[in-house]
Amino acid sequence: MVASVVIAISVIVFSDSIYRYPIILWILNITGSVASGLGLVAVYRHGLLGPHGKSYLFLTIGLISWLSADLTLTYYYYALGIEEGKLISFADLFWISGYVFLTLHLVITLKSLKNKINLGIIIVASCATLLLIAYDIINLTPSFFLTDEDLAAFVLTITYPILDLSLIIPSATILVNLRKDYQQAIPWFLSSLSLLVNAIADDGYVHDFVNHNSHNLWFWDLFYVTDFIIMAGALFWYNRFHISNQLMKARN
């Protein structure tokens, strides 16, 4: 997994700036396809029975939604000749949908752990989330908007880091409660790390976009690529060890 991250990032960083954007698109599509494919394998092998089956189904749909957004950007680039595309585009529909399914994935898992979750952790995490959201809104809101389109674009842009925080807090809560379960803790650690990397990318992207640093935006794509690779590692572990052991026990 680490080697895959290093190779993918190296290809992007050392590529010619003229070809960097299409290279980023292809790497995002490849890594997103691998993660989505491993998710489909997990759903097929585990089935939809029990909380894990449903939660991994929603996780997989969320990953496919994000992959669809990247494929949409690829279409914009090759078919329409648009490199960045409009801020508000059809791709945003897929990204937002991905967050919805990932949230369902976390909600189902939290429900299965409701008797083990420490209420104090949830309260502290919720307060931290509200403070971080307030910080982003205050520091990123321009003093004025030139057009209604600018306002709509800003609202959509600031939505992404808010949604990321809404995913990270429950995933971290789940991780804390699963830390003693070795087989479950490893994939949850990786998936939580994946969501954290995605949140860092969204927050950095928003800051550079609002400050008109468009030349820096490609840097945050390195995090999105890393996000897909880490999530693929989490699903590979789940397929290789957790589901395999369950199947062996069922056969015995």
Protein backbone atom coordinates (compact mmCIF):
# COMPACT_ATOMS: atom_id res chain seq x y z
CA MET A 1 0.00 0.00 0.00
CA VAL A 2 2.81 2.41 0.92
CA ALA A 3 4.66 1.50 -2.26
CA SER A 4 1.53 2.18 -4.32
CA VAL A 5 1.15 5.62 -2.74
CA VAL A 6 4.81 6.48 -3.40
CA ILE A 7 4.63 5.33 -7.02
CA ALA A 8 1.38 7.16 -7.76
CA ILE A 9 2.55 10.40 -6.17
CA SER A 10 5.95 10.20 -7.89
CA VAL A 11 4.33 9.79 -11.30
CA ILE A 12 2.24 12.93 -10.70
CA VAL A 13 4.94 15.09 -9.10
CA PHE A 14 7.62 14.34 -11.69
CA SER A 15 5.32 14.60 -14.71
CA ASP A 16 5.45 17.54 -17.09
CA SER A 17 3.09 20.29 -15.94
CA ILE A 18 1.42 20.25 -19.37
CA TYR A 19 0.33 16.62 -18.94
CA ARG A 20 -0.12 16.61 -15.16
CA TYR A 21 -3.88 17.11 -15.08
CA PRO A 22 -4.79 14.18 -17.42
CA ILE A 23 -2.28 12.00 -15.55
CA ILE A 24 -4.00 12.90 -12.28
CA LEU A 25 -7.38 12.02 -13.79
CA TRP A 26 -6.19 8.60 -14.96
CA ILE A 27 -4.56 7.76 -11.64
CA LEU A 28 -7.70 8.84 -9.76
CA ASN A 29 -9.81 6.65 -12.06
CA ILE A 30 -7.49 3.66 -11.63
CA THR A 31 -7.18 3.88 -7.84
CA GLY A 32 -10.90 4.63 -7.48
CA SER A 33 -11.72 1.60 -9.64
CA VAL A 34 -9.49 -0.65 -7.54
CA ALA A 35 -11.08 0.54 -4.27
CA SER A 36 -14.60 0.22 -5.70
CA GLY A 37 -13.81 -3.23 -7.10
CA LEU A 38 -12.54 -4.47 -3.73
CA GLY A 39 -15.71 -3.09 -2.17
CA LEU A 40 -17.84 -5.06 -4.63
CA VAL A 41 -15.84 -8.18 -3.81
CA ALA A 42 -16.47 -7.63 -0.09
CA VAL A 43 -20.19 -7.18 -0.66
CA TYR A 44 -20.35 -10.29 -2.88
CA ARG A 45 -18.42 -12.48 -0.44
CA HIS A 46 -20.05 -11.23 2.77
CA GLY A 47 -23.56 -10.76 1.43
CA LEU A 48 -26.06 -8.27 2.80
CA LEU A 49 -26.85 -10.09 6.04
CA GLY A 50 -26.03 -8.39 9.33
CA PRO A 51 -24.78 -4.85 9.95
CA HIS A 52 -21.42 -5.43 8.25
CA GLY A 53 -23.02 -6.51 4.99
CA LYS A 54 -25.20 -3.42 4.74
CA SER A 55 -22.52 -1.03 5.96
CA TYR A 56 -19.98 -2.25 3.39
CA LEU A 57 -22.64 -2.07 0.69
CA PHE A 58 -23.13 1.65 1.41
CA LEU A 59 -19.36 2.16 1.66
CA THR A 60 -18.94 0.61 -1.77
CA ILE A 61 -21.73 2.70 -3.29
CA GLY A 62 -20.09 5.80 -1.78
CA LEU A 63 -16.74 4.91 -3.37
CA ILE A 64 -18.43 4.25 -6.72
CA SER A 65 -20.11 7.66 -6.47
CA TRP A 66 -16.76 9.38 -5.93
CA LEU A 67 -15.28 7.38 -8.81
CA SER A 68 -18.20 8.51 -10.99
CA ALA A 69 -17.33 12.13 -10.15
CA ASP A 70 -13.75 11.59 -11.32
CA LEU A 71 -14.99 9.87 -14.48
CA THR A 72 -17.23 12.89 -15.10
CA LEU A 73 -14.22 15.20 -14.86
CA THR A 74 -12.41 12.93 -17.31
CA TYR A 75 -15.32 13.28 -19.72
CA TYR A 76 -15.25 17.06 -19.35
CA TYR A 77 -11.53 17.08 -20.17
CA TYR A 78 -11.49 14.74 -23.19
CA ALA A 79 -14.94 15.36 -24.68
CA LEU A 80 -15.52 19.03 -23.85
CA GLY A 81 -11.94 20.27 -23.52
CA ILE A 82 -12.55 21.66 -20.02
CA GLU A 83 -9.62 21.17 -17.66
CA GLU A 84 -11.10 22.27 -14.36
CA GLY A 85 -14.74 22.55 -15.28
CA LYS A 86 -17.27 24.80 -13.59
CA LEU A 87 -17.16 24.81 -9.82
CA ILE A 88 -20.78 23.70 -9.71
CA SER A 89 -21.02 20.78 -12.11
CA PHE A 90 -22.62 17.38 -12.52
CA ALA A 91 -19.59 15.87 -10.77
CA ASP A 92 -20.67 17.57 -7.54
CA LEU A 93 -23.85 15.49 -7.56
CA PHE A 94 -21.74 12.31 -7.44
CA TRP A 95 -19.47 13.68 -4.71
CA ILE A 96 -22.39 14.73 -2.51
CA SER A 97 -24.10 11.38 -3.11
CA GLY A 98 -20.90 9.66 -2.00
CA TYR A 99 -21.01 11.46 1.32
CA VAL A 100 -24.63 10.40 1.82
CA PHE A 101 -23.82 6.70 1.35
CA LEU A 102 -20.66 6.93 3.47
CA THR A 103 -22.75 8.51 6.24
CA LEU A 104 -25.21 5.60 6.03
CA HIS A 105 -22.25 3.23 6.25
CA LEU A 106 -21.14 4.89 9.51
CA VAL A 107 -24.65 5.14 10.98
CA ILE A 108 -25.28 1.42 10.52
CA THR A 109 -21.96 0.58 12.14
CA LEU A 110 -22.60 2.94 15.06
CA LYS A 111 -26.00 1.32 15.63
CA SER A 112 -24.34 -2.08 15.89
CA LEU A 113 -21.98 -0.69 18.56
CA LYS A 114 -24.52 1.39 20.50
CA ASN A 115 -24.01 -0.60 23.71
CA LYS A 116 -20.23 -0.15 23.59
CA ILE A 117 -19.91 3.54 22.71
CA ASN A 118 -18.74 5.98 25.36
CA LEU A 119 -21.12 8.97 25.49
CA GLY A 120 -18.31 11.27 26.64
CA ILE A 121 -16.34 10.59 23.46
CA ILE A 122 -19.35 11.55 21.33
CA ILE A 123 -19.88 14.82 23.24
CA VAL A 124 -16.22 15.87 22.97
CA ALA A 125 -16.10 14.88 19.29
CA SER A 126 -19.31 16.79 18.52
CA CYS A 127 -18.02 19.96 20.21
CA ALA A 128 -14.75 19.69 18.29
CA THR A 129 -16.67 19.28 15.04
CA LEU A 130 -18.79 22.38 15.66
CA LEU A 131 -15.72 24.47 16.49
CA LEU A 132 -13.88 23.37 13.35
CA ILE A 133 -16.91 24.05 11.17
CA ALA A 134 -17.32 27.52 12.68
CA TYR A 135 -13.60 28.21 12.14
CA ASP A 136 -13.82 27.29 8.46
CA ILE A 137 -16.94 29.37 7.83
CA ILE A 138 -15.54 32.46 9.58
CA ASN A 139 -12.11 32.33 7.95
CA LEU A 140 -13.23 31.43 4.43
CA THR A 141 -16.30 33.64 3.97
CA PRO A 142 -15.47 36.60 1.66
CA SER A 143 -16.51 40.09 2.70
CA PHE A 144 -18.85 40.24 -0.30
CA PHE A 145 -20.01 38.19 -3.30
CA LEU A 146 -19.95 39.60 -6.81
CA THR A 147 -22.85 37.47 -8.07
CA ASP A 148 -25.40 34.96 -6.86
CA GLU A 149 -23.36 32.33 -8.71
CA ASP A 150 -20.34 33.20 -6.55
CA LEU A 151 -22.45 32.76 -3.42
CA ALA A 152 -23.78 29.39 -4.58
CA ALA A 153 -20.25 28.29 -5.51
CA PHE A 154 -18.93 29.28 -2.08
CA VAL A 155 -21.75 27.46 -0.25
CA LEU A 156 -21.01 24.31 -2.22
CA THR A 157 -17.28 24.63 -1.67
CA ILE A 158 -17.54 25.07 2.10
CA THR A 159 -19.93 22.11 2.25
CA TYR A 160 -17.18 19.61 1.49
CA PRO A 161 -14.95 20.14 4.56
CA ILE A 162 -18.10 20.23 6.72
CA LEU A 163 -19.20 16.88 5.33
CA ASP A 164 -15.70 15.51 5.87
CA LEU A 165 -15.79 16.44 9.55
CA SER A 166 -19.19 14.80 9.83
CA LEU A 167 -17.60 11.56 8.56
CA ILE A 168 -14.34 11.68 10.51
CA ILE A 169 -15.90 12.09 13.95
CA PRO A 170 -18.13 8.97 13.82
CA SER A 171 -15.40 6.93 12.13
CA ALA A 172 -12.94 7.90 14.88
CA THR A 173 -15.57 7.01 17.50
CA ILE A 174 -16.00 3.58 15.91
CA LEU A 175 -12.24 3.09 15.75
CA VAL A 176 -11.86 3.82 19.47
CA ASN A 177 -14.50 1.22 20.31
CA LEU A 178 -13.01 -1.42 18.00
CA ARG A 179 -9.36 -0.96 19.01
CA LYS A 180 -9.32 -4.27 20.94
CA ASP A 181 -10.79 -6.20 18.02
CA TYR A 182 -7.66 -6.78 15.91
CA GLN A 183 -9.36 -7.95 12.73
CA GLN A 184 -11.88 -5.10 12.79
CA ALA A 185 -9.48 -2.42 14.08
CA ILE A 186 -7.03 -2.67 11.16
CA PRO A 187 -9.55 -1.96 8.37
CA TRP A 188 -11.23 0.71 10.51
CA PHE A 189 -7.88 2.38 11.19
CA LEU A 190 -7.14 2.44 7.46
CA SER A 191 -10.62 3.63 6.47
CA SER A 192 -10.52 6.34 9.17
CA LEU A 193 -7.09 7.41 7.94
CA SER A 194 -8.48 7.48 4.40
CA LEU A 195 -11.31 9.82 5.45
CA LEU A 196 -8.82 12.03 7.32
CA VAL A 197 -6.62 12.32 4.23
CA ASN A 198 -9.68 13.23 2.16
CA ALA A 199 -10.69 15.86 4.73
CA ILE A 200 -7.22 17.43 4.64
CA ALA A 201 -7.43 17.57 0.84
CA ASP A 202 -10.88 19.17 0.85
CA ASP A 203 -9.90 21.76 3.45
CA GLY A 204 -6.68 22.64 1.63
CA TYR A 205 -8.45 22.77 -1.73
CA VAL A 206 -11.11 25.11 -0.35
CA HIS A 207 -8.53 27.48 1.15
CA ASP A 208 -6.54 27.66 -2.11
CA PHE A 209 -9.68 28.07 -4.21
CA VAL A 210 -11.10 30.88 -2.07
CA ASN A 211 -7.71 32.61 -2.07
CA HIS A 212 -7.45 32.20 -5.88
CA ASN A 213 -4.35 30.00 -5.68
CA SER A 214 -5.44 27.84 -8.61
CA HIS A 215 -1.83 26.85 -9.36
CA ASN A 216 -1.75 24.91 -6.08
CA LEU A 217 -4.94 22.91 -6.61
CA TRP A 218 -3.18 19.94 -8.25
CA PHE A 219 -1.24 19.38 -5.02
CA TRP A 220 -4.41 18.35 -3.18
CA ASP A 221 -5.13 15.72 -5.83
CA LEU A 222 -2.16 13.82 -4.35
CA PHE A 223 -4.24 13.42 -1.19
CA TYR A 224 -7.30 12.22 -3.12
CA VAL A 225 -5.17 9.56 -4.82
CA THR A 226 -3.75 8.53 -1.44
CA ASP A 227 -7.28 8.42 -0.03
CA PHE A 228 -8.39 5.84 -2.63
CA ILE A 229 -5.26 3.72 -2.13
CA ILE A 230 -5.63 3.61 1.65
CA MET A 231 -9.32 2.73 1.34
CA ALA A 232 -8.35 -0.04 -1.08
CA GLY A 233 -5.91 -1.31 1.57
CA ALA A 234 -8.68 -1.33 4.18
CA LEU A 235 -10.99 -3.32 1.90
CA PHE A 236 -8.19 -5.70 0.92
CA TRP A 237 -7.57 -6.45 4.62
CA TYR A 238 -11.28 -6.95 5.21
CA ASN A 239 -11.52 -9.35 2.25
CA ARG A 240 -8.30 -11.21 2.98
CA PHE A 241 -8.56 -11.74 6.73
CA HIS A 242 -11.99 -10.91 8.17
CA ILE A 243 -14.25 -12.46 5.55
CA SER A 244 -11.87 -15.38 4.90
CA ASN A 245 -11.89 -16.32 8.58
CA GLN A 246 -15.67 -16.06 8.71
CA LEU A 247 -16.00 -18.36 5.70
CA MET A 248 -13.62 -20.87 7.25
CA LYS A 249 -15.61 -20.89 10.50
CA ALA A 250 -18.86 -21.35 8.55
CA ARG A 251 -17.43 -24.35 6.70
CA ASN A 252 -16.19 -25.92 9.94
